[in-house]
PDB file of N, CA and C in Angstrom:
ATOM      1  N   MET A   1     -24.614  77.410  17.250  1.00  0.00           N
ATOM      2  CA  MET A   1     -23.567  77.397  16.360  1.00  0.00           C
ATOM      3  C   MET A   1     -24.266  77.834  15.012  1.00  0.00           C
ATOM      4  N   LYS A   2     -23.574  78.872  14.432  1.00  0.00           N
ATOM      5  CA  LYS A   2     -24.185  79.537  13.327  1.00  0.00           C
ATOM      6  C   LYS A   2     -23.833  78.125  12.160  1.00  0.00           C
ATOM      7  N   LYS A   3     -24.665  78.212  11.068  1.00  0.00           N
ATOM      8  CA  LYS A   3     -24.544  77.248   9.920  1.00  0.00           C
ATOM      9  C   LYS A   3     -23.691  78.275   8.915  1.00  0.00           C
ATOM     10  N   LYS A   4     -22.664  77.574   8.251  1.00  0.00           N
ATOM     11  CA  LYS A   4     -21.770  78.272   7.325  1.00  0.00           C
ATOM     12  C   LYS A   4     -22.112  78.001   6.110  1.00  0.00           C
ATOM     13  N   ILE A   5     -22.286  79.165   5.136  1.00  0.00           N
ATOM     14  CA  ILE A   5     -22.696  78.779   3.738  1.00  0.00           C
ATOM     15  C   ILE A   5     -21.583  79.582   2.876  1.00  0.00           C
ATOM     16  N   LEU A   6     -20.935  78.706   1.857  1.00  0.00           N
ATOM     17  CA  LEU A   6     -20.150  79.045   0.913  1.00  0.00           C
ATOM     18  C   LEU A   6     -20.778  79.519  -0.313  1.00  0.00           C
ATOM     19  N   VAL A   7     -20.579  80.873  -0.430  1.00  0.00           N
ATOM     20  CA  VAL A   7     -21.062  81.512  -1.742  1.00  0.00           C
ATOM     21  C   VAL A   7     -20.248  81.524  -2.761  1.00  0.00           C
ATOM     22  N   VAL A   8     -20.242  80.941  -3.945  1.00  0.00           N
ATOM     23  CA  VAL A   8     -19.393  80.817  -5.143  1.00  0.00           C
ATOM     24  C   VAL A   8     -19.944  81.783  -6.265  1.00  0.00           C
ATOM     25  N   ASP A   9     -19.366  82.870  -6.627  1.00  0.00           N
ATOM     26  CA  ASP A   9     -19.926  83.577  -7.605  1.00  0.00           C
ATOM     27  C   ASP A   9     -18.641  84.384  -8.148  1.00  0.00           C
ATOM     28  N   ASP A  10     -18.249  84.872  -9.477  1.00  0.00           N
ATOM     29  CA  ASP A  10     -17.445  85.514  -9.913  1.00  0.00           C
ATOM     30  C   ASP A  10     -17.953  87.129  -9.971  1.00  0.00           C
ATOM     31  N   GLU A  11     -18.841  87.340  -9.816  1.00  0.00           N
ATOM     32  CA  GLU A  11     -19.247  88.667  -9.592  1.00  0.00           C
ATOM     33  C   GLU A  11     -19.343  89.341  -8.322  1.00  0.00           C
ATOM     34  N   LYS A  12     -18.524  90.074  -7.984  1.00  0.00           N
ATOM     35  CA  LYS A  12     -18.187  90.473  -6.558  1.00  0.00           C
ATOM     36  C   LYS A  12     -19.507  91.386  -6.116  1.00  0.00           C
ATOM     37  N   ASN A  13     -20.435  92.091  -6.769  1.00  0.00           N
ATOM     38  CA  ASN A  13     -21.542  92.615  -6.454  1.00  0.00           C
ATOM     39  C   ASN A  13     -22.894  91.761  -5.735  1.00  0.00           C
ATOM     40  N   ILE A  14     -22.892  90.590  -6.687  1.00  0.00           N
ATOM     41  CA  ILE A  14     -23.586  89.439  -6.190  1.00  0.00           C
ATOM     42  C   ILE A  14     -23.192  88.597  -4.940  1.00  0.00           C
ATOM     43  N   ARG A  15     -21.857  88.460  -4.964  1.00  0.00           N
ATOM     44  CA  ARG A  15     -21.071  87.944  -3.584  1.00  0.00           C
ATOM     45  C   ARG A  15     -21.392  88.795  -2.459  1.00  0.00           C
ATOM     46  N   LEU A  16     -21.327  90.257  -2.474  1.00  0.00           N
ATOM     47  CA  LEU A  16     -21.476  90.995  -1.410  1.00  0.00           C
ATOM     48  C   LEU A  16     -23.096  90.989  -1.090  1.00  0.00           C
ATOM     49  N   LEU A  17     -23.795  91.127  -2.159  1.00  0.00           N
ATOM     50  CA  LEU A  17     -25.318  91.101  -1.619  1.00  0.00           C
ATOM     51  C   LEU A  17     -25.739  89.877  -1.090  1.00  0.00           C
ATOM     52  N   LEU A  18     -25.361  88.712  -1.671  1.00  0.00           N
ATOM     53  CA  LEU A  18     -25.728  87.350  -0.619  1.00  0.00           C
ATOM     54  C   LEU A  18     -25.034  87.463   0.670  1.00  0.00           C
ATOM     55  N   ASP A  19     -23.814  88.022   0.659  1.00  0.00           N
ATOM     56  CA  ASP A  19     -23.069  87.920   1.805  1.00  0.00           C
ATOM     57  C   ASP A  19     -24.000  88.530   3.104  1.00  0.00           C
ATOM     58  N   GLU A  20     -24.444  89.995   2.569  1.00  0.00           N
ATOM     59  CA  GLU A  20     -25.367  90.890   3.470  1.00  0.00           C
ATOM     60  C   GLU A  20     -26.838  90.012   3.704  1.00  0.00           C
ATOM     61  N   GLU A  21     -27.208  89.638   2.781  1.00  0.00           N
ATOM     62  CA  GLU A  21     -28.574  88.842   2.946  1.00  0.00           C
ATOM     63  C   GLU A  21     -28.454  87.685   4.056  1.00  0.00           C
ATOM     64  N   LEU A  22     -27.617  86.808   3.817  1.00  0.00           N
ATOM     65  CA  LEU A  22     -27.551  85.625   4.499  1.00  0.00           C
ATOM     66  C   LEU A  22     -26.957  85.989   5.702  1.00  0.00           C
ATOM     67  N   THR A  23     -26.096  86.961   5.960  1.00  0.00           N
ATOM     68  CA  THR A  23     -25.939  87.257   7.369  1.00  0.00           C
ATOM     69  C   THR A  23     -26.697  87.732   8.092  1.00  0.00           C
ATOM     70  N   ASP A  24     -27.525  88.636   7.436  1.00  0.00           N
ATOM     71  CA  ASP A  24     -29.043  89.044   7.853  1.00  0.00           C
ATOM     72  C   ASP A  24     -29.890  87.813   8.496  1.00  0.00           C
ATOM     73  N   GLU A  25     -29.938  86.918   7.894  1.00  0.00           N
ATOM     74  CA  GLU A  25     -30.291  85.919   8.370  1.00  0.00           C
ATOM     75  C   GLU A  25     -30.179  84.841   9.222  1.00  0.00           C
ATOM     76  N   GLY A  26     -28.551  85.127   9.931  1.00  0.00           N
ATOM     77  CA  GLY A  26     -27.992  84.595  10.961  1.00  0.00           C
ATOM     78  C   GLY A  26     -27.096  83.486  10.617  1.00  0.00           C
ATOM     79  N   TYR A  27     -26.580  83.609   9.099  1.00  0.00           N
ATOM     80  CA  TYR A  27     -25.447  82.300   8.876  1.00  0.00           C
ATOM     81  C   TYR A  27     -24.307  83.055   8.541  1.00  0.00           C
ATOM     82  N   GLU A  28     -23.164  82.188   8.828  1.00  0.00           N
ATOM     83  CA  GLU A  28     -21.723  82.926   8.984  1.00  0.00           C
ATOM     84  C   GLU A  28     -21.630  82.511   7.250  1.00  0.00           C
ATOM     85  N   VAL A  29     -21.170  83.555   6.538  1.00  0.00           N
ATOM     86  CA  VAL A  29     -21.040  83.751   4.945  1.00  0.00           C
ATOM     87  C   VAL A  29     -19.591  83.476   4.557  1.00  0.00           C
ATOM     88  N   ILE A  30     -18.952  82.412   3.886  1.00  0.00           N
ATOM     89  CA  ILE A  30     -17.487  82.900   3.152  1.00  0.00           C
ATOM     90  C   ILE A  30     -17.918  82.786   1.999  1.00  0.00           C
ATOM     91  N   MET A  31     -16.998  83.263   1.025  1.00  0.00           N
ATOM     92  CA  MET A  31     -17.223  83.646  -0.401  1.00  0.00           C
ATOM     93  C   MET A  31     -15.930  83.215  -1.186  1.00  0.00           C
ATOM     94  N   ALA A  32     -16.084  82.722  -2.277  1.00  0.00           N
ATOM     95  CA  ALA A  32     -15.086  82.285  -3.461  1.00  0.00           C
ATOM     96  C   ALA A  32     -15.664  82.951  -4.639  1.00  0.00           C
ATOM     97  N   ASP A  33     -14.576  83.420  -5.451  1.00  0.00           N
ATOM     98  CA  ASP A  33     -14.749  83.869  -6.868  1.00  0.00           C
ATOM     99  C   ASP A  33     -14.615  83.333  -7.951  1.00  0.00           C
ATOM    100  N   ASN A  34     -14.167  81.837  -7.764  1.00  0.00           N
ATOM    101  CA  ASN A  34     -14.023  80.897  -8.842  1.00  0.00           C
ATOM    102  C   ASN A  34     -14.031  79.467  -8.064  1.00  0.00           C
ATOM    103  N   GLY A  35     -14.061  78.356  -9.172  1.00  0.00           N
ATOM    104  CA  GLY A  35     -14.402  77.222  -8.448  1.00  0.00           C
ATOM    105  C   GLY A  35     -13.179  76.690  -7.764  1.00  0.00           C
ATOM    106  N   GLU A  36     -11.899  76.947  -8.435  1.00  0.00           N
ATOM    107  CA  GLU A  36     -10.783  76.316  -7.474  1.00  0.00           C
ATOM    108  C   GLU A  36     -10.622  76.811  -6.306  1.00  0.00           C
ATOM    109  N   THR A  37     -10.908  78.106  -5.893  1.00  0.00           N
ATOM    110  CA  THR A  37     -10.820  78.785  -4.505  1.00  0.00           C
ATOM    111  C   THR A  37     -11.839  78.066  -3.769  1.00  0.00           C
ATOM    112  N   ALA A  38     -13.149  77.787  -4.573  1.00  0.00           N
ATOM    113  CA  ALA A  38     -14.304  77.015  -3.839  1.00  0.00           C
ATOM    114  C   ALA A  38     -14.035  75.583  -3.096  1.00  0.00           C
ATOM    115  N   LEU A  39     -13.145  75.099  -3.988  1.00  0.00           N
ATOM    116  CA  LEU A  39     -12.992  73.453  -3.642  1.00  0.00           C
ATOM    117  C   LEU A  39     -12.109  73.564  -2.687  1.00  0.00           C
ATOM    118  N   LYS A  40     -11.072  74.455  -2.613  1.00  0.00           N
ATOM    119  CA  LYS A  40      -9.989  74.582  -1.506  1.00  0.00           C
ATOM    120  C   LYS A  40     -10.852  74.919  -0.199  1.00  0.00           C
ATOM    121  N   MET A  41     -11.803  76.039  -0.224  1.00  0.00           N
ATOM    122  CA  MET A  41     -12.435  76.454   0.914  1.00  0.00           C
ATOM    123  C   MET A  41     -13.332  75.373   1.525  1.00  0.00           C
ATOM    124  N   ILE A  42     -13.845  74.338   0.645  1.00  0.00           N
ATOM    125  CA  ILE A  42     -14.900  73.322   1.237  1.00  0.00           C
ATOM    126  C   ILE A  42     -13.969  72.407   2.051  1.00  0.00           C
ATOM    127  N   GLU A  43     -12.778  72.092   1.522  1.00  0.00           N
ATOM    128  CA  GLU A  43     -11.811  71.287   2.245  1.00  0.00           C
ATOM    129  C   GLU A  43     -11.178  72.032   3.545  1.00  0.00           C
ATOM    130  N   GLU A  44     -11.029  73.115   3.410  1.00  0.00           N
ATOM    131  CA  GLU A  44     -10.554  73.762   5.052  1.00  0.00           C
ATOM    132  C   GLU A  44     -11.705  74.256   5.561  1.00  0.00           C
ATOM    133  N   GLU A  45     -12.710  74.645   5.150  1.00  0.00           N
ATOM    134  CA  GLU A  45     -13.870  75.410   5.926  1.00  0.00           C
ATOM    135  C   GLU A  45     -14.909  74.894   6.318  1.00  0.00           C
ATOM    136  N   LYS A  46     -15.106  73.350   5.500  1.00  0.00           N
ATOM    137  CA  LYS A  46     -16.193  72.704   5.892  1.00  0.00           C
ATOM    138  C   LYS A  46     -17.593  73.234   6.143  1.00  0.00           C
ATOM    139  N   PRO A  47     -17.977  73.975   4.986  1.00  0.00           N
ATOM    140  CA  PRO A  47     -19.314  74.667   4.987  1.00  0.00           C
ATOM    141  C   PRO A  47     -20.534  73.640   5.278  1.00  0.00           C
ATOM    142  N   ASP A  48     -21.633  74.034   5.627  1.00  0.00           N
ATOM    143  CA  ASP A  48     -22.600  73.125   5.526  1.00  0.00           C
ATOM    144  C   ASP A  48     -23.586  73.150   4.401  1.00  0.00           C
ATOM    145  N   ILE A  49     -23.254  74.229   3.656  1.00  0.00           N
ATOM    146  CA  ILE A  49     -23.999  74.382   2.133  1.00  0.00           C
ATOM    147  C   ILE A  49     -23.407  75.129   1.161  1.00  0.00           C
ATOM    148  N   VAL A  50     -23.624  74.965   0.005  1.00  0.00           N
ATOM    149  CA  VAL A  50     -22.967  75.887  -1.167  1.00  0.00           C
ATOM    150  C   VAL A  50     -23.751  76.244  -1.974  1.00  0.00           C
ATOM    151  N   THR A  51     -23.626  77.592  -2.190  1.00  0.00           N
ATOM    152  CA  THR A  51     -24.510  78.150  -3.493  1.00  0.00           C
ATOM    153  C   THR A  51     -23.524  78.552  -4.654  1.00  0.00           C
ATOM    154  N   LEU A  52     -23.896  77.842  -5.748  1.00  0.00           N
ATOM    155  CA  LEU A  52     -22.629  77.847  -6.685  1.00  0.00           C
ATOM    156  C   LEU A  52     -23.372  78.230  -7.907  1.00  0.00           C
ATOM    157  N   ASP A  53     -22.405  79.277  -8.584  1.00  0.00           N
ATOM    158  CA  ASP A  53     -22.931  80.147  -9.865  1.00  0.00           C
ATOM    159  C   ASP A  53     -22.172  79.047 -11.043  1.00  0.00           C
ATOM    160  N   ILE A  54     -23.092  79.215 -12.246  1.00  0.00           N
ATOM    161  CA  ILE A  54     -22.598  78.229 -13.033  1.00  0.00           C
ATOM    162  C   ILE A  54     -21.589  78.979 -14.488  1.00  0.00           C
ATOM    163  N   LYS A  55     -21.888  80.155 -14.785  1.00  0.00           N
ATOM    164  CA  LYS A  55     -21.146  81.039 -15.578  1.00  0.00           C
ATOM    165  C   LYS A  55     -19.955  81.861 -14.991  1.00  0.00           C
ATOM    166  N   MET A  56     -18.766  81.098 -14.816  1.00  0.00           N
ATOM    167  CA  MET A  56     -17.688  81.660 -14.120  1.00  0.00           C
ATOM    168  C   MET A  56     -16.680  81.436 -15.053  1.00  0.00           C
ATOM    169  N   PRO A  57     -15.699  82.231 -15.020  1.00  0.00           N
ATOM    170  CA  PRO A  57     -14.206  82.067 -15.775  1.00  0.00           C
ATOM    171  C   PRO A  57     -13.762  80.673 -15.459  1.00  0.00           C
ATOM    172  N   GLY A  58     -12.648  80.183 -16.257  1.00  0.00           N
ATOM    173  CA  GLY A  58     -12.168  79.017 -15.970  1.00  0.00           C
ATOM    174  C   GLY A  58     -13.086  78.066 -15.885  1.00  0.00           C
ATOM    175  N   GLU A  59     -13.054  76.956 -14.986  1.00  0.00           N
ATOM    176  CA  GLU A  59     -13.995  75.954 -14.905  1.00  0.00           C
ATOM    177  C   GLU A  59     -15.516  76.566 -14.622  1.00  0.00           C
ATOM    178  N   ASP A  60     -16.472  75.971 -15.201  1.00  0.00           N
ATOM    179  CA  ASP A  60     -17.733  76.346 -14.762  1.00  0.00           C
ATOM    180  C   ASP A  60     -18.191  75.866 -13.611  1.00  0.00           C
ATOM    181  N   GLY A  61     -19.367  76.212 -13.367  1.00  0.00           N
ATOM    182  CA  GLY A  61     -20.090  75.703 -11.970  1.00  0.00           C
ATOM    183  C   GLY A  61     -20.416  74.317 -12.132  1.00  0.00           C
ATOM    184  N   LEU A  62     -20.660  73.804 -13.193  1.00  0.00           N
ATOM    185  CA  LEU A  62     -21.500  72.251 -13.301  1.00  0.00           C
ATOM    186  C   LEU A  62     -20.150  71.468 -13.180  1.00  0.00           C
ATOM    187  N   ASN A  63     -18.971  71.806 -13.649  1.00  0.00           N
ATOM    188  CA  ASN A  63     -17.704  70.986 -13.373  1.00  0.00           C
ATOM    189  C   ASN A  63     -17.382  71.077 -12.061  1.00  0.00           C
ATOM    190  N   ILE A  64     -17.444  72.187 -11.410  1.00  0.00           N
ATOM    191  CA  ILE A  64     -17.181  72.242 -10.041  1.00  0.00           C
ATOM    192  C   ILE A  64     -18.110  71.439  -9.128  1.00  0.00           C
ATOM    193  N   LEU A  65     -19.284  71.367  -9.504  1.00  0.00           N
ATOM    194  CA  LEU A  65     -20.332  70.579  -8.933  1.00  0.00           C
ATOM    195  C   LEU A  65     -19.883  69.123  -9.114  1.00  0.00           C
ATOM    196  N   ARG A  66     -19.558  68.686 -10.211  1.00  0.00           N
ATOM    197  CA  ARG A  66     -19.138  67.318 -10.258  1.00  0.00           C
ATOM    198  C   ARG A  66     -17.877  66.988  -9.163  1.00  0.00           C
ATOM    199  N   LYS A  67     -17.062  67.970  -9.102  1.00  0.00           N
ATOM    200  CA  LYS A  67     -15.729  67.714  -8.138  1.00  0.00           C
ATOM    201  C   LYS A  67     -16.260  67.809  -7.011  1.00  0.00           C
ATOM    202  N   ILE A  68     -17.444  68.549  -6.607  1.00  0.00           N
ATOM    203  CA  ILE A  68     -17.755  68.762  -5.072  1.00  0.00           C
ATOM    204  C   ILE A  68     -18.332  67.304  -4.793  1.00  0.00           C
ATOM    205  N   ARG A  69     -19.026  66.949  -5.526  1.00  0.00           N
ATOM    206  CA  ARG A  69     -19.825  65.357  -5.385  1.00  0.00           C
ATOM    207  C   ARG A  69     -18.730  64.511  -5.255  1.00  0.00           C
ATOM    208  N   GLU A  70     -17.440  64.585  -5.838  1.00  0.00           N
ATOM    209  CA  GLU A  70     -16.397  63.665  -5.717  1.00  0.00           C
ATOM    210  C   GLU A  70     -15.571  63.653  -4.133  1.00  0.00           C
ATOM    211  N   ILE A  71     -15.654  64.944  -3.520  1.00  0.00           N
ATOM    212  CA  ILE A  71     -14.953  65.036  -2.660  1.00  0.00           C
ATOM    213  C   ILE A  71     -15.969  65.023  -1.274  1.00  0.00           C
ATOM    214  N   GLU A  72     -17.255  65.473  -1.477  1.00  0.00           N
ATOM    215  CA  GLU A  72     -18.004  65.512  -0.523  1.00  0.00           C
ATOM    216  C   GLU A  72     -19.387  65.757  -0.782  1.00  0.00           C
ATOM    217  N   TYR A  73     -19.770  64.283  -0.812  1.00  0.00           N
ATOM    218  CA  TYR A  73     -20.875  63.777  -1.671  1.00  0.00           C
ATOM    219  C   TYR A  73     -22.089  64.259  -1.432  1.00  0.00           C
ATOM    220  N   ASP A  74     -21.922  64.458   0.067  1.00  0.00           N
ATOM    221  CA  ASP A  74     -23.423  64.686   0.942  1.00  0.00           C
ATOM    222  C   ASP A  74     -23.663  66.513   1.191  1.00  0.00           C
ATOM    223  N   LEU A  75     -22.555  67.113   0.681  1.00  0.00           N
ATOM    224  CA  LEU A  75     -22.522  68.642   0.860  1.00  0.00           C
ATOM    225  C   LEU A  75     -23.712  69.174   0.112  1.00  0.00           C
ATOM    226  N   PRO A  76     -25.054  69.678   0.794  1.00  0.00           N
ATOM    227  CA  PRO A  76     -25.778  70.483  -0.095  1.00  0.00           C
ATOM    228  C   PRO A  76     -25.519  71.541  -1.049  1.00  0.00           C
ATOM    229  N   VAL A  77     -25.620  71.518  -2.044  1.00  0.00           N
ATOM    230  CA  VAL A  77     -25.396  72.448  -3.124  1.00  0.00           C
ATOM    231  C   VAL A  77     -26.485  72.909  -4.039  1.00  0.00           C
ATOM    232  N   ILE A  78     -26.737  74.270  -3.850  1.00  0.00           N
ATOM    233  CA  ILE A  78     -27.804  75.030  -4.590  1.00  0.00           C
ATOM    234  C   ILE A  78     -27.011  75.654  -5.732  1.00  0.00           C
ATOM    235  N   ILE A  79     -27.405  75.471  -7.174  1.00  0.00           N
ATOM    236  CA  ILE A  79     -27.035  76.236  -7.991  1.00  0.00           C
ATOM    237  C   ILE A  79     -27.856  77.458  -8.204  1.00  0.00           C
ATOM    238  N   CYS A  80     -27.212  78.570  -8.307  1.00  0.00           N
ATOM    239  CA  CYS A  80     -27.656  79.961  -8.373  1.00  0.00           C
ATOM    240  C   CYS A  80     -27.236  80.679  -9.533  1.00  0.00           C
ATOM    241  N   SER A  81     -27.976  80.462 -10.443  1.00  0.00           N
ATOM    242  CA  SER A  81     -27.847  81.135 -11.899  1.00  0.00           C
ATOM    243  C   SER A  81     -28.443  81.952 -12.692  1.00  0.00           C
ATOM    244  N   ALA A  82     -28.037  82.800 -13.338  1.00  0.00           N
ATOM    245  CA  ALA A  82     -28.950  83.977 -13.905  1.00  0.00           C
ATOM    246  C   ALA A  82     -29.840  83.268 -15.150  1.00  0.00           C
ATOM    247  N   TYR A  83     -28.926  81.961 -15.496  1.00  0.00           N
ATOM    248  CA  TYR A  83     -29.578  81.377 -16.906  1.00  0.00           C
ATOM    249  C   TYR A  83     -30.200  80.326 -16.255  1.00  0.00           C
ATOM    250  N   SER A  84     -31.462  80.025 -16.556  1.00  0.00           N
ATOM    251  CA  SER A  84     -32.624  79.261 -16.168  1.00  0.00           C
ATOM    252  C   SER A  84     -32.507  77.878 -17.430  1.00  0.00           C
ATOM    253  N   VAL A  85     -31.821  78.305 -18.458  1.00  0.00           N
ATOM    254  CA  VAL A  85     -31.654  77.147 -19.632  1.00  0.00           C
ATOM    255  C   VAL A  85     -30.457  75.980 -19.048  1.00  0.00           C
ATOM    256  N   TYR A  86     -30.005  76.115 -18.120  1.00  0.00           N
ATOM    257  CA  TYR A  86     -28.772  74.978 -17.383  1.00  0.00           C
ATOM    258  C   TYR A  86     -29.826  74.010 -16.562  1.00  0.00           C
ATOM    259  N   LYS A  87     -30.930  74.796 -16.161  1.00  0.00           N
ATOM    260  CA  LYS A  87     -31.821  73.845 -15.106  1.00  0.00           C
ATOM    261  C   LYS A  87     -32.067  72.655 -15.966  1.00  0.00           C
ATOM    262  N   SER A  88     -32.328  72.404 -17.189  1.00  0.00           N
ATOM    263  CA  SER A  88     -32.506  71.029 -17.955  1.00  0.00           C
ATOM    264  C   SER A  88     -31.329  70.436 -18.191  1.00  0.00           C
ATOM    265  N   ASP A  89     -30.076  70.782 -17.907  1.00  0.00           N
ATOM    266  CA  ASP A  89     -28.891  70.333 -17.888  1.00  0.00           C
ATOM    267  C   ASP A  89     -28.603  69.146 -17.127  1.00  0.00           C
ATOM    268  N   PHE A  90     -28.429  67.816 -17.771  1.00  0.00           N
ATOM    269  CA  PHE A  90     -28.474  66.804 -17.073  1.00  0.00           C
ATOM    270  C   PHE A  90     -27.222  66.952 -15.979  1.00  0.00           C
ATOM    271  N   SER A  91     -26.168  67.698 -16.281  1.00  0.00           N
ATOM    272  CA  SER A  91     -25.265  67.809 -15.033  1.00  0.00           C
ATOM    273  C   SER A  91     -25.705  68.520 -13.680  1.00  0.00           C
ATOM    274  N   ALA A  92     -26.811  69.316 -13.933  1.00  0.00           N
ATOM    275  CA  ALA A  92     -27.300  70.062 -13.014  1.00  0.00           C
ATOM    276  C   ALA A  92     -28.247  69.301 -12.001  1.00  0.00           C
ATOM    277  N   VAL A  93     -28.445  68.117 -12.357  1.00  0.00           N
ATOM    278  CA  VAL A  93     -29.348  67.126 -11.571  1.00  0.00           C
ATOM    279  C   VAL A  93     -28.755  66.926 -10.120  1.00  0.00           C
ATOM    280  N   ALA A  94     -27.384  66.815 -10.287  1.00  0.00           N
ATOM    281  CA  ALA A  94     -26.418  66.465  -8.998  1.00  0.00           C
ATOM    282  C   ALA A  94     -26.703  67.571  -8.062  1.00  0.00           C
ATOM    283  N   ALA A  95     -27.317  68.703  -8.222  1.00  0.00           N
ATOM    284  CA  ALA A  95     -27.401  69.596  -7.151  1.00  0.00           C
ATOM    285  C   ALA A  95     -28.813  69.582  -6.463  1.00  0.00           C
ATOM    286  N   ASP A  96     -28.868  70.093  -5.206  1.00  0.00           N
ATOM    287  CA  ASP A  96     -29.831  69.777  -4.445  1.00  0.00           C
ATOM    288  C   ASP A  96     -31.069  70.801  -4.892  1.00  0.00           C
ATOM    289  N   HIS A  97     -30.747  71.579  -5.364  1.00  0.00           N
ATOM    290  CA  HIS A  97     -31.823  72.714  -5.886  1.00  0.00           C
ATOM    291  C   HIS A  97     -31.315  73.608  -6.700  1.00  0.00           C
ATOM    292  N   TYR A  98     -32.150  74.190  -7.665  1.00  0.00           N
ATOM    293  CA  TYR A  98     -31.785  75.219  -8.782  1.00  0.00           C
ATOM    294  C   TYR A  98     -32.467  76.269  -8.658  1.00  0.00           C
ATOM    295  N   VAL A  99     -31.661  77.677  -8.352  1.00  0.00           N
ATOM    296  CA  VAL A  99     -32.536  78.780  -8.201  1.00  0.00           C
ATOM    297  C   VAL A  99     -32.032  79.714  -9.198  1.00  0.00           C
ATOM    298  N   VAL A 100     -33.283  80.425  -9.827  1.00  0.00           N
ATOM    299  CA  VAL A 100     -32.535  81.592 -11.006  1.00  0.00           C
ATOM    300  C   VAL A 100     -32.455  82.867 -10.307  1.00  0.00           C
ATOM    301  N   LYS A 101     -31.238  83.524 -10.679  1.00  0.00           N
ATOM    302  CA  LYS A 101     -30.958  84.475  -9.720  1.00  0.00           C
ATOM    303  C   LYS A 101     -32.082  85.737 -10.106  1.00  0.00           C
ATOM    304  N   SER A 102     -32.422  86.516  -8.967  1.00  0.00           N
ATOM    305  CA  SER A 102     -33.150  87.772  -9.273  1.00  0.00           C
ATOM    306  C   SER A 102     -32.773  88.550  -8.191  1.00  0.00           C
ATOM    307  N   SER A 103     -33.364  89.852  -8.397  1.00  0.00           N
ATOM    308  CA  SER A 103     -32.975  90.967  -7.463  1.00  0.00           C
ATOM    309  C   SER A 103     -33.783  90.492  -5.823  1.00  0.00           C
ATOM    310  N   ASP A 104     -34.436  89.529  -6.037  1.00  0.00           N
ATOM    311  CA  ASP A 104     -35.226  88.993  -4.887  1.00  0.00           C
ATOM    312  C   ASP A 104     -34.470  87.768  -4.286  1.00  0.00           C
ATOM    313  N   PHE A 105     -34.070  87.638  -3.184  1.00  0.00           N
ATOM    314  CA  PHE A 105     -33.363  86.175  -2.696  1.00  0.00           C
ATOM    315  C   PHE A 105     -34.183  85.572  -1.819  1.00  0.00           C
ATOM    316  N   ASP A 106     -35.474  85.762  -1.856  1.00  0.00           N
ATOM    317  CA  ASP A 106     -36.252  85.051  -0.819  1.00  0.00           C
ATOM    318  C   ASP A 106     -36.468  83.294  -1.340  1.00  0.00           C
ATOM    319  N   GLU A 107     -36.298  83.162  -2.505  1.00  0.00           N
ATOM    320  CA  GLU A 107     -36.600  81.746  -3.072  1.00  0.00           C
ATOM    321  C   GLU A 107     -35.037  81.001  -2.311  1.00  0.00           C
ATOM    322  N   LEU A 108     -34.165  81.695  -2.642  1.00  0.00           N
ATOM    323  CA  LEU A 108     -32.618  81.132  -2.479  1.00  0.00           C
ATOM    324  C   LEU A 108     -32.738  80.900  -0.693  1.00  0.00           C
ATOM    325  N   LYS A 109     -33.056  81.956  -0.018  1.00  0.00           N
ATOM    326  CA  LYS A 109     -33.185  81.989   1.513  1.00  0.00           C
ATOM    327  C   LYS A 109     -34.021  80.847   1.951  1.00  0.00           C
ATOM    328  N   ASN A 110     -35.195  80.931   1.482  1.00  0.00           N
ATOM    329  CA  ASN A 110     -36.053  79.670   1.733  1.00  0.00           C
ATOM    330  C   ASN A 110     -35.228  78.233   1.495  1.00  0.00           C
ATOM    331  N   LYS A 111     -34.961  78.095   0.311  1.00  0.00           N
ATOM    332  CA  LYS A 111     -34.386  76.685  -0.052  1.00  0.00           C
ATOM    333  C   LYS A 111     -33.280  76.204   0.992  1.00  0.00           C
ATOM    334  N   ILE A 112     -32.546  77.519   1.127  1.00  0.00           N
ATOM    335  CA  ILE A 112     -31.133  77.398   2.133  1.00  0.00           C
ATOM    336  C   ILE A 112     -31.766  76.809   3.722  1.00  0.00           C
ATOM    337  N   LYS A 113     -32.745  77.678   4.108  1.00  0.00           N
ATOM    338  CA  LYS A 113     -33.314  77.335   5.373  1.00  0.00           C
ATOM    339  C   LYS A 113     -33.911  75.879   5.560  1.00  0.00           C
ATOM    340  N   GLU A 114     -34.785  75.449   4.222  1.00  0.00           N
ATOM    341  CA  GLU A 114     -35.514  74.425   4.106  1.00  0.00           C
ATOM    342  C   GLU A 114     -34.520  72.887   4.164  1.00  0.00           C
ATOM    343  N   ILE A 115     -33.093  73.150   3.563  1.00  0.00           N
ATOM    344  CA  ILE A 115     -32.100  72.059   3.425  1.00  0.00           C
ATOM    345  C   ILE A 115     -31.360  72.065   4.824  1.00  0.00           C
ATOM    346  N   LEU A 116     -31.030  73.242   5.423  1.00  0.00           N
ATOM    347  CA  LEU A 116     -30.305  73.170   6.365  1.00  0.00           C
ATOM    348  C   LEU A 116     -31.228  72.724   7.805  1.00  0.00           C
ATOM    349  N   SER A 117     -32.384  72.890   7.968  1.00  0.00           N
ATOM    350  CA  SER A 117     -33.085  72.423   8.938  1.00  0.00           C
ATOM    351  C   SER A 117     -33.590  71.148   8.874  1.00  0.00           C
ATOM    352  N   TYR A 118     -33.300  70.361   7.611  1.00  0.00           N
ATOM    353  CA  TYR A 118     -33.513  68.997   7.361  1.00  0.00           C
ATOM    354  C   TYR A 118     -32.506  68.092   8.168  1.00  0.00           C
ATOM    355  N   GLU A 119     -32.764  67.245   8.863  1.00  0.00           N
ATOM    356  CA  GLU A 119     -31.785  66.249   9.665  1.00  0.00           C
ATOM    357  C   GLU A 119     -32.145  65.118   9.168  1.00  0.00           C
ATOM    358  N   PRO A 120     -31.664  64.405   8.540  1.00  0.00           N
ATOM    359  CA  PRO A 120     -31.688  62.752   8.315  1.00  0.00           C
ATOM    360  C   PRO A 120     -31.585  61.810   9.410  1.00  0.00           C
TER     361      PRO A 120
END
């Protein structure tokens, strides 16, 4: 059974690129363009992992991360942001990993593979 990844990003092109990259890796990809939609999808779709942008209209990714931890504490979340400055933000510590966006998705794909292959 394919592992399901929820990609949360307000930029359509980033969502489409990640969809293509992660689908090619053999994952089922579902997408949300904002935090509110992401929270609904987490409850309905039960993804195995979430990639989460920080800078989005409405609630930012750090607030959404806090809400994810309240409803699904053990759900792995990778913050995927263009802004490395948030890496030192105390709220970001609740994420399983922090990846700075680039045109190369290898670091993100490797972290996803590492997290999803770990069985406690």
